[in-house]
Amino acid sequence: MAKITLYHFEGCPACQDAKAWIAQLQSEKPELKNAVIEMVDVHKTPGFKAPAPFQYVPTFFVDERKVLEGNVSKDKVEYLMRAVLQ
């Protein structure tokens, strides 16, 4: 199964939305609880080096490939979570 990595930082409104949608989706749709999501705070991770290409947060990678960046919608987050479970 593929792994999602969410790059974010505390205080970012778009990041807060993305994290809230993940929690909400996993609560509303139990099948999404199996999506593996690693959360990486870019300001609190010692020695953080941004994977290329990386410009904005929130940024979602699946395995080592960027798939979403910047403001995202709940629908896109759900689509991504379902895709990694395939």
PDB file of N, CA and C in Angstrom:
ATOM      1  N   MET A   1       0.846  -1.176   0.000  1.00  0.00           N
ATOM      2  CA  MET A   1       0.000   0.000   0.000  1.00  0.00           C
ATOM      3  C   MET A   1       0.894   1.243   0.000  1.00  0.00           C
ATOM      4  N   ALA A   2       0.489   2.241  -0.753  1.00  0.00           N
ATOM      5  CA  ALA A   2       1.227   3.492  -0.825  1.00  0.00           C
ATOM      6  C   ALA A   2       1.047   4.283   0.473  1.00  0.00           C
ATOM      7  N   LYS A   3       1.984   5.185   0.725  1.00  0.00           N
ATOM      8  CA  LYS A   3       1.932   6.017   1.924  1.00  0.00           C
ATOM      9  C   LYS A   3       1.814   7.477   1.509  1.00  0.00           C
ATOM     10  N   ILE A   4       0.942   8.211   2.201  1.00  0.00           N
ATOM     11  CA  ILE A   4       0.800   9.647   2.001  1.00  0.00           C
ATOM     12  C   ILE A   4       1.684  10.360   3.024  1.00  0.00           C
ATOM     13  N   THR A   5       2.400  11.373   2.564  1.00  0.00           N
ATOM     14  CA  THR A   5       3.119  12.254   3.478  1.00  0.00           C
ATOM     15  C   THR A   5       2.538  13.648   3.303  1.00  0.00           C
ATOM     16  N   LEU A   6       2.103  14.240   4.415  1.00  0.00           N
ATOM     17  CA  LEU A   6       1.571  15.594   4.405  1.00  0.00           C
ATOM     18  C   LEU A   6       2.609  16.507   5.038  1.00  0.00           C
ATOM     19  N   TYR A   7       3.146  17.433   4.243  1.00  0.00           N
ATOM     20  CA  TYR A   7       4.061  18.445   4.755  1.00  0.00           C
ATOM     21  C   TYR A   7       3.226  19.662   5.121  1.00  0.00           C
ATOM     22  N   HIS A   8       3.398  20.152   6.339  1.00  0.00           N
ATOM     23  CA  HIS A   8       2.570  21.237   6.871  1.00  0.00           C
ATOM     24  C   HIS A   8       3.369  22.010   7.892  1.00  0.00           C
ATOM     25  N   PHE A   9       2.773  23.078   8.433  1.00  0.00           N
ATOM     26  CA  PHE A   9       3.339  23.703   9.619  1.00  0.00           C
ATOM     27  C   PHE A   9       2.235  24.310  10.461  1.00  0.00           C
ATOM     28  N   GLU A  10       2.502  24.391  11.744  1.00  0.00           N
ATOM     29  CA  GLU A  10       1.541  24.918  12.702  1.00  0.00           C
ATOM     30  C   GLU A  10       1.249  26.376  12.382  1.00  0.00           C
ATOM     31  N   GLY A  11      -0.014  26.754  12.426  1.00  0.00           N
ATOM     32  CA  GLY A  11      -0.413  28.126  12.168  1.00  0.00           C
ATOM     33  C   GLY A  11      -0.804  28.401  10.730  1.00  0.00           C
ATOM     34  N   CYS A  12      -0.630  27.441   9.858  1.00  0.00           N
ATOM     35  CA  CYS A  12      -1.015  27.589   8.447  1.00  0.00           C
ATOM     36  C   CYS A  12      -2.491  27.224   8.320  1.00  0.00           C
ATOM     37  N   PRO A  13      -3.351  28.180   7.936  1.00  0.00           N
ATOM     38  CA  PRO A  13      -4.790  27.883   7.842  1.00  0.00           C
ATOM     39  C   PRO A  13      -5.116  26.762   6.852  1.00  0.00           C
ATOM     40  N   ALA A  14      -4.465  26.745   5.708  1.00  0.00           N
ATOM     41  CA  ALA A  14      -4.731  25.686   4.722  1.00  0.00           C
ATOM     42  C   ALA A  14      -4.284  24.329   5.255  1.00  0.00           C
ATOM     43  N   CYS A  15      -3.204  24.314   6.017  1.00  0.00           N
ATOM     44  CA  CYS A  15      -2.730  23.056   6.623  1.00  0.00           C
ATOM     45  C   CYS A  15      -3.721  22.569   7.674  1.00  0.00           C
ATOM     46  N   GLN A  16      -4.241  23.489   8.470  1.00  0.00           N
ATOM     47  CA  GLN A  16      -5.234  23.127   9.486  1.00  0.00           C
ATOM     48  C   GLN A  16      -6.464  22.521   8.823  1.00  0.00           C
ATOM     49  N   ASP A  17      -6.888  23.117   7.704  1.00  0.00           N
ATOM     50  CA  ASP A  17      -8.028  22.564   6.968  1.00  0.00           C
ATOM     51  C   ASP A  17      -7.727  21.149   6.497  1.00  0.00           C
ATOM     52  N   ALA A  18      -6.564  20.951   5.903  1.00  0.00           N
ATOM     53  CA  ALA A  18      -6.208  19.629   5.370  1.00  0.00           C
ATOM     54  C   ALA A  18      -6.192  18.582   6.481  1.00  0.00           C
ATOM     55  N   LYS A  19      -5.584  18.916   7.616  1.00  0.00           N
ATOM     56  CA  LYS A  19      -5.532  17.969   8.732  1.00  0.00           C
ATOM     57  C   LYS A  19      -6.926  17.692   9.298  1.00  0.00           C
ATOM     58  N   ALA A  20      -7.764  18.735   9.368  1.00  0.00           N
ATOM     59  CA  ALA A  20      -9.136  18.556   9.862  1.00  0.00           C
ATOM     60  C   ALA A  20      -9.930  17.660   8.915  1.00  0.00           C
ATOM     61  N   TRP A  21      -9.743  17.837   7.614  1.00  0.00           N
ATOM     62  CA  TRP A  21     -10.463  17.004   6.652  1.00  0.00           C
ATOM     63  C   TRP A  21     -10.035  15.548   6.763  1.00  0.00           C
ATOM     64  N   ILE A  22      -8.747  15.313   6.970  1.00  0.00           N
ATOM     65  CA  ILE A  22      -8.268  13.937   7.140  1.00  0.00           C
ATOM     66  C   ILE A  22      -8.968  13.303   8.344  1.00  0.00           C
ATOM     67  N   ALA A  23      -8.953  14.005   9.478  1.00  0.00           N
ATOM     68  CA  ALA A  23      -9.590  13.482  10.690  1.00  0.00           C
ATOM     69  C   ALA A  23     -11.087  13.283  10.477  1.00  0.00           C
ATOM     70  N   GLN A  24     -11.730  14.253   9.843  1.00  0.00           N
ATOM     71  CA  GLN A  24     -13.170  14.171   9.601  1.00  0.00           C
ATOM     72  C   GLN A  24     -13.505  12.998   8.678  1.00  0.00           C
ATOM     73  N   LEU A  25     -12.749  12.846   7.613  1.00  0.00           N
ATOM     74  CA  LEU A  25     -12.995  11.756   6.666  1.00  0.00           C
ATOM     75  C   LEU A  25     -12.785  10.394   7.328  1.00  0.00           C
ATOM     76  N   GLN A  26     -11.753  10.278   8.149  1.00  0.00           N
ATOM     77  CA  GLN A  26     -11.505   9.001   8.826  1.00  0.00           C
ATOM     78  C   GLN A  26     -12.587   8.703   9.859  1.00  0.00           C
ATOM     79  N   SER A  27     -13.188   9.733  10.403  1.00  0.00           N
ATOM     80  CA  SER A  27     -14.279   9.543  11.357  1.00  0.00           C
ATOM     81  C   SER A  27     -15.583   9.173  10.638  1.00  0.00           C
ATOM     82  N   GLU A  28     -15.866   9.860   9.539  1.00  0.00           N
ATOM     83  CA  GLU A  28     -17.105   9.642   8.795  1.00  0.00           C
ATOM     84  C   GLU A  28     -17.089   8.362   7.963  1.00  0.00           C
ATOM     85  N   LYS A  29     -15.920   7.999   7.480  1.00  0.00           N
ATOM     86  CA  LYS A  29     -15.801   6.877   6.541  1.00  0.00           C
ATOM     87  C   LYS A  29     -14.722   5.920   7.048  1.00  0.00           C
ATOM     88  N   PRO A  30     -15.117   4.945   7.857  1.00  0.00           N
ATOM     89  CA  PRO A  30     -14.162   4.060   8.527  1.00  0.00           C
ATOM     90  C   PRO A  30     -13.149   3.396   7.590  1.00  0.00           C
ATOM     91  N   GLU A  31     -13.539   3.162   6.337  1.00  0.00           N
ATOM     92  CA  GLU A  31     -12.602   2.519   5.409  1.00  0.00           C
ATOM     93  C   GLU A  31     -11.366   3.391   5.145  1.00  0.00           C
ATOM     94  N   LEU A  32     -11.474   4.680   5.391  1.00  0.00           N
ATOM     95  CA  LEU A  32     -10.342   5.572   5.156  1.00  0.00           C
ATOM     96  C   LEU A  32      -9.336   5.573   6.301  1.00  0.00           C
ATOM     97  N   LYS A  33      -9.685   4.940   7.421  1.00  0.00           N
ATOM     98  CA  LYS A  33      -8.760   4.847   8.549  1.00  0.00           C
ATOM     99  C   LYS A  33      -7.518   4.044   8.176  1.00  0.00           C
ATOM    100  N   ASN A  34      -7.623   3.220   7.149  1.00  0.00           N
ATOM    101  CA  ASN A  34      -6.487   2.391   6.736  1.00  0.00           C
ATOM    102  C   ASN A  34      -5.477   3.135   5.868  1.00  0.00           C
ATOM    103  N   ALA A  35      -5.797   4.356   5.470  1.00  0.00           N
ATOM    104  CA  ALA A  35      -4.846   5.148   4.682  1.00  0.00           C
ATOM    105  C   ALA A  35      -3.694   5.564   5.598  1.00  0.00           C
ATOM    106  N   VAL A  36      -2.479   5.234   5.216  1.00  0.00           N
ATOM    107  CA  VAL A  36      -1.301   5.567   6.008  1.00  0.00           C
ATOM    108  C   VAL A  36      -0.876   6.994   5.652  1.00  0.00           C
ATOM    109  N   ILE A  37      -0.909   7.877   6.669  1.00  0.00           N
ATOM    110  CA  ILE A  37      -0.574   9.284   6.448  1.00  0.00           C
ATOM    111  C   ILE A  37       0.458   9.715   7.481  1.00  0.00           C
ATOM    112  N   GLU A  38       1.626  10.094   6.986  1.00  0.00           N
ATOM    113  CA  GLU A  38       2.682  10.623   7.845  1.00  0.00           C
ATOM    114  C   GLU A  38       2.580  12.144   7.802  1.00  0.00           C
ATOM    115  N   MET A  39       2.545  12.772   8.965  1.00  0.00           N
ATOM    116  CA  MET A  39       2.467  14.230   9.059  1.00  0.00           C
ATOM    117  C   MET A  39       3.853  14.769   9.394  1.00  0.00           C
ATOM    118  N   VAL A  40       4.366  15.669   8.564  1.00  0.00           N
ATOM    119  CA  VAL A  40       5.692  16.246   8.782  1.00  0.00           C
ATOM    120  C   VAL A  40       5.553  17.762   8.910  1.00  0.00           C
ATOM    121  N   ASP A  41       5.829  18.269  10.115  1.00  0.00           N
ATOM    122  CA  ASP A  41       5.813  19.714  10.346  1.00  0.00           C
ATOM    123  C   ASP A  41       7.167  20.247   9.871  1.00  0.00           C
ATOM    124  N   VAL A  42       7.155  21.055   8.829  1.00  0.00           N
ATOM    125  CA  VAL A  42       8.401  21.505   8.205  1.00  0.00           C
ATOM    126  C   VAL A  42       9.201  22.439   9.104  1.00  0.00           C
ATOM    127  N   HIS A  43       8.563  23.051  10.101  1.00  0.00           N
ATOM    128  CA  HIS A  43       9.276  23.941  11.018  1.00  0.00           C
ATOM    129  C   HIS A  43       9.785  23.220  12.260  1.00  0.00           C
ATOM    130  N   LYS A  44       9.195  22.092  12.589  1.00  0.00           N
ATOM    131  CA  LYS A  44       9.563  21.386  13.821  1.00  0.00           C
ATOM    132  C   LYS A  44      10.382  20.134  13.578  1.00  0.00           C
ATOM    133  N   THR A  45      10.642  19.810  12.316  1.00  0.00           N
ATOM    134  CA  THR A  45      11.417  18.613  12.010  1.00  0.00           C
ATOM    135  C   THR A  45      12.889  19.004  11.896  1.00  0.00           C
ATOM    136  N   PRO A  46      13.726  18.542  12.841  1.00  0.00           N
ATOM    137  CA  PRO A  46      15.146  18.909  12.803  1.00  0.00           C
ATOM    138  C   PRO A  46      15.787  18.495  11.478  1.00  0.00           C
ATOM    139  N   GLY A  47      16.516  19.410  10.888  1.00  0.00           N
ATOM    140  CA  GLY A  47      17.225  19.120   9.644  1.00  0.00           C
ATOM    141  C   GLY A  47      16.316  18.913   8.454  1.00  0.00           C
ATOM    142  N   PHE A  48      15.090  19.443   8.506  1.00  0.00           N
ATOM    143  CA  PHE A  48      14.157  19.230   7.408  1.00  0.00           C
ATOM    144  C   PHE A  48      14.732  19.752   6.106  1.00  0.00           C
ATOM    145  N   LYS A  49      14.666  18.914   5.098  1.00  0.00           N
ATOM    146  CA  LYS A  49      15.068  19.295   3.746  1.00  0.00           C
ATOM    147  C   LYS A  49      13.889  18.978   2.847  1.00  0.00           C
ATOM    148  N   ALA A  50      13.379  20.001   2.186  1.00  0.00           N
ATOM    149  CA  ALA A  50      12.193  19.827   1.350  1.00  0.00           C
ATOM    150  C   ALA A  50      12.486  18.929   0.161  1.00  0.00           C
ATOM    151  N   PRO A  51      11.604  17.967  -0.076  1.00  0.00           N
ATOM    152  CA  PRO A  51      11.759  17.157  -1.289  1.00  0.00           C
ATOM    153  C   PRO A  51      11.421  18.018  -2.502  1.00  0.00           C
ATOM    154  N   ALA A  52      12.072  17.753  -3.584  1.00  0.00           N
ATOM    155  CA  ALA A  52      11.795  18.535  -4.808  1.00  0.00           C
ATOM    156  C   ALA A  52      10.717  17.840  -5.603  1.00  0.00           C
ATOM    157  N   PRO A  53       9.843  18.522  -6.256  1.00  0.00           N
ATOM    158  CA  PRO A  53       9.593  19.967  -6.156  1.00  0.00           C
ATOM    159  C   PRO A  53       8.658  20.259  -4.991  1.00  0.00           C
ATOM    160  N   PHE A  54       8.934  21.323  -4.264  1.00  0.00           N
ATOM    161  CA  PHE A  54       8.163  21.657  -3.071  1.00  0.00           C
ATOM    162  C   PHE A  54       8.199  23.169  -2.917  1.00  0.00           C
ATOM    163  N   GLN A  55       7.017  23.811  -2.930  1.00  0.00           N
ATOM    164  CA  GLN A  55       6.998  25.268  -2.806  1.00  0.00           C
ATOM    165  C   GLN A  55       6.063  25.764  -1.715  1.00  0.00           C
ATOM    166  N   TYR A  56       4.926  25.097  -1.514  1.00  0.00           N
ATOM    167  CA  TYR A  56       3.908  25.586  -0.589  1.00  0.00           C
ATOM    168  C   TYR A  56       3.476  24.468   0.350  1.00  0.00           C
ATOM    169  N   VAL A  57       2.818  24.880   1.436  1.00  0.00           N
ATOM    170  CA  VAL A  57       2.155  23.909   2.300  1.00  0.00           C
ATOM    171  C   VAL A  57       0.673  24.230   2.286  1.00  0.00           C
ATOM    172  N   PRO A  58      -0.169  23.277   2.502  1.00  0.00           N
ATOM    173  CA  PRO A  58       0.141  21.856   2.645  1.00  0.00           C
ATOM    174  C   PRO A  58       0.534  21.251   1.308  1.00  0.00           C
ATOM    175  N   THR A  59       1.422  20.277   1.405  1.00  0.00           N
ATOM    176  CA  THR A  59       1.829  19.516   0.222  1.00  0.00           C
ATOM    177  C   THR A  59       1.682  18.038   0.550  1.00  0.00           C
ATOM    178  N   PHE A  60       1.037  17.321  -0.338  1.00  0.00           N
ATOM    179  CA  PHE A  60       0.835  15.886  -0.191  1.00  0.00           C
ATOM    180  C   PHE A  60       1.723  15.152  -1.193  1.00  0.00           C
ATOM    181  N   PHE A  61       2.479  14.198  -0.689  1.00  0.00           N
ATOM    182  CA  PHE A  61       3.251  13.288  -1.532  1.00  0.00           C
ATOM    183  C   PHE A  61       2.677  11.892  -1.349  1.00  0.00           C
ATOM    184  N   VAL A  62       2.666  11.116  -2.396  1.00  0.00           N
ATOM    185  CA  VAL A  62       2.365   9.687  -2.312  1.00  0.00           C
ATOM    186  C   VAL A  62       3.644   8.984  -2.702  1.00  0.00           C
ATOM    187  N   ASP A  63       4.137   8.212  -1.746  1.00  0.00           N
ATOM    188  CA  ASP A  63       5.474   7.648  -1.857  1.00  0.00           C
ATOM    189  C   ASP A  63       6.411   8.821  -2.151  1.00  0.00           C
ATOM    190  N   GLU A  64       7.117   8.915  -3.160  1.00  0.00           N
ATOM    191  CA  GLU A  64       8.042  10.039  -3.347  1.00  0.00           C
ATOM    192  C   GLU A  64       7.575  11.026  -4.422  1.00  0.00           C
ATOM    193  N   ARG A  65       6.280  11.019  -4.734  1.00  0.00           N
ATOM    194  CA  ARG A  65       5.769  11.849  -5.829  1.00  0.00           C
ATOM    195  C   ARG A  65       4.753  12.858  -5.297  1.00  0.00           C
ATOM    196  N   LYS A  66       4.986  14.148  -5.616  1.00  0.00           N
ATOM    197  CA  LYS A  66       4.052  15.195  -5.187  1.00  0.00           C
ATOM    198  C   LYS A  66       2.755  15.048  -5.972  1.00  0.00           C
ATOM    199  N   VAL A  67       1.617  15.099  -5.238  1.00  0.00           N
ATOM    200  CA  VAL A  67       0.320  14.949  -5.898  1.00  0.00           C
ATOM    201  C   VAL A  67      -0.621  16.135  -5.647  1.00  0.00           C
ATOM    202  N   LEU A  68      -0.479  16.819  -4.524  1.00  0.00           N
ATOM    203  CA  LEU A  68      -1.312  17.997  -4.225  1.00  0.00           C
ATOM    204  C   LEU A  68      -0.443  19.020  -3.501  1.00  0.00           C
ATOM    205  N   GLU A  69      -0.699  20.309  -3.791  1.00  0.00           N
ATOM    206  CA  GLU A  69       0.077  21.355  -3.126  1.00  0.00           C
ATOM    207  C   GLU A  69      -0.766  22.620  -2.999  1.00  0.00           C
ATOM    208  N   GLY A  70      -0.611  23.314  -1.878  1.00  0.00           N
ATOM    209  CA  GLY A  70      -1.345  24.549  -1.649  1.00  0.00           C
ATOM    210  C   GLY A  70      -2.752  24.258  -1.162  1.00  0.00           C
ATOM    211  N   ASN A  71      -3.640  25.217  -1.330  1.00  0.00           N
ATOM    212  CA  ASN A  71      -5.026  25.019  -0.903  1.00  0.00           C
ATOM    213  C   ASN A  71      -5.625  23.802  -1.590  1.00  0.00           C
ATOM    214  N   VAL A  72      -6.164  22.903  -0.805  1.00  0.00           N
ATOM    215  CA  VAL A  72      -6.800  21.702  -1.336  1.00  0.00           C
ATOM    216  C   VAL A  72      -8.221  21.622  -0.800  1.00  0.00           C
ATOM    217  N   SER A  73      -9.041  20.844  -1.451  1.00  0.00           N
ATOM    218  CA  SER A  73     -10.426  20.677  -1.007  1.00  0.00           C
ATOM    219  C   SER A  73     -10.583  19.346  -0.277  1.00  0.00           C
ATOM    220  N   LYS A  74     -11.647  19.236   0.473  1.00  0.00           N
ATOM    221  CA  LYS A  74     -11.962  17.983   1.170  1.00  0.00           C
ATOM    222  C   LYS A  74     -12.143  16.858   0.153  1.00  0.00           C
ATOM    223  N   ASP A  75     -12.773  17.162  -0.975  1.00  0.00           N
ATOM    224  CA  ASP A  75     -12.973  16.143  -2.017  1.00  0.00           C
ATOM    225  C   ASP A  75     -11.650  15.618  -2.556  1.00  0.00           C
ATOM    226  N   LYS A  76     -10.678  16.506  -2.752  1.00  0.00           N
ATOM    227  CA  LYS A  76      -9.367  16.070  -3.266  1.00  0.00           C
ATOM    228  C   LYS A  76      -8.638  15.217  -2.233  1.00  0.00           C
ATOM    229  N   VAL A  77      -8.749  15.606  -0.968  1.00  0.00           N
ATOM    230  CA  VAL A  77      -8.118  14.816   0.092  1.00  0.00           C
ATOM    231  C   VAL A  77      -8.750  13.424   0.149  1.00  0.00           C
ATOM    232  N   GLU A  78     -10.069  13.357   0.056  1.00  0.00           N
ATOM    233  CA  GLU A  78     -10.742  12.050   0.063  1.00  0.00           C
ATOM    234  C   GLU A  78     -10.322  11.211  -1.138  1.00  0.00           C
ATOM    235  N   TYR A  79     -10.273  11.817  -2.300  1.00  0.00           N
ATOM    236  CA  TYR A  79      -9.859  11.094  -3.524  1.00  0.00           C
ATOM    237  C   TYR A  79      -8.457  10.504  -3.333  1.00  0.00           C
ATOM    238  N   LEU A  80      -7.548  11.322  -2.779  1.00  0.00           N
ATOM    239  CA  LEU A  80      -6.179  10.872  -2.549  1.00  0.00           C
ATOM    240  C   LEU A  80      -6.147   9.711  -1.552  1.00  0.00           C
ATOM    241  N   MET A  81      -6.897   9.820  -0.478  1.00  0.00           N
ATOM    242  CA  MET A  81      -6.918   8.763   0.527  1.00  0.00           C
ATOM    243  C   MET A  81      -7.466   7.458  -0.075  1.00  0.00           C
ATOM    244  N   ARG A  82      -8.492   7.566  -0.872  1.00  0.00           N
ATOM    245  CA  ARG A  82      -9.049   6.356  -1.516  1.00  0.00           C
ATOM    246  C   ARG A  82      -8.066   5.764  -2.530  1.00  0.00           C
ATOM    247  N   ALA A  83      -7.364   6.631  -3.234  1.00  0.00           N
ATOM    248  CA  ALA A  83      -6.418   6.157  -4.259  1.00  0.00           C
ATOM    249  C   ALA A  83      -5.297   5.317  -3.653  1.00  0.00           C
ATOM    250  N   VAL A  84      -4.806   5.716  -2.470  1.00  0.00           N
ATOM    251  CA  VAL A  84      -3.701   4.947  -1.873  1.00  0.00           C
ATOM    252  C   VAL A  84      -4.178   3.605  -1.313  1.00  0.00           C
ATOM    253  N   LEU A  85      -5.474   3.468  -1.124  1.00  0.00           N
ATOM    254  CA  LEU A  85      -6.002   2.203  -0.606  1.00  0.00           C
ATOM    255  C   LEU A  85      -6.254   1.183  -1.723  1.00  0.00           C
ATOM    256  N   GLN A  86      -6.157   1.599  -2.962  1.00  0.00           N
ATOM    257  CA  GLN A  86      -6.399   0.704  -4.115  1.00  0.00           C
ATOM    258  C   GLN A  86      -5.295  -0.325  -4.226  1.00  0.00           C
TER     259      GLN A  86
END
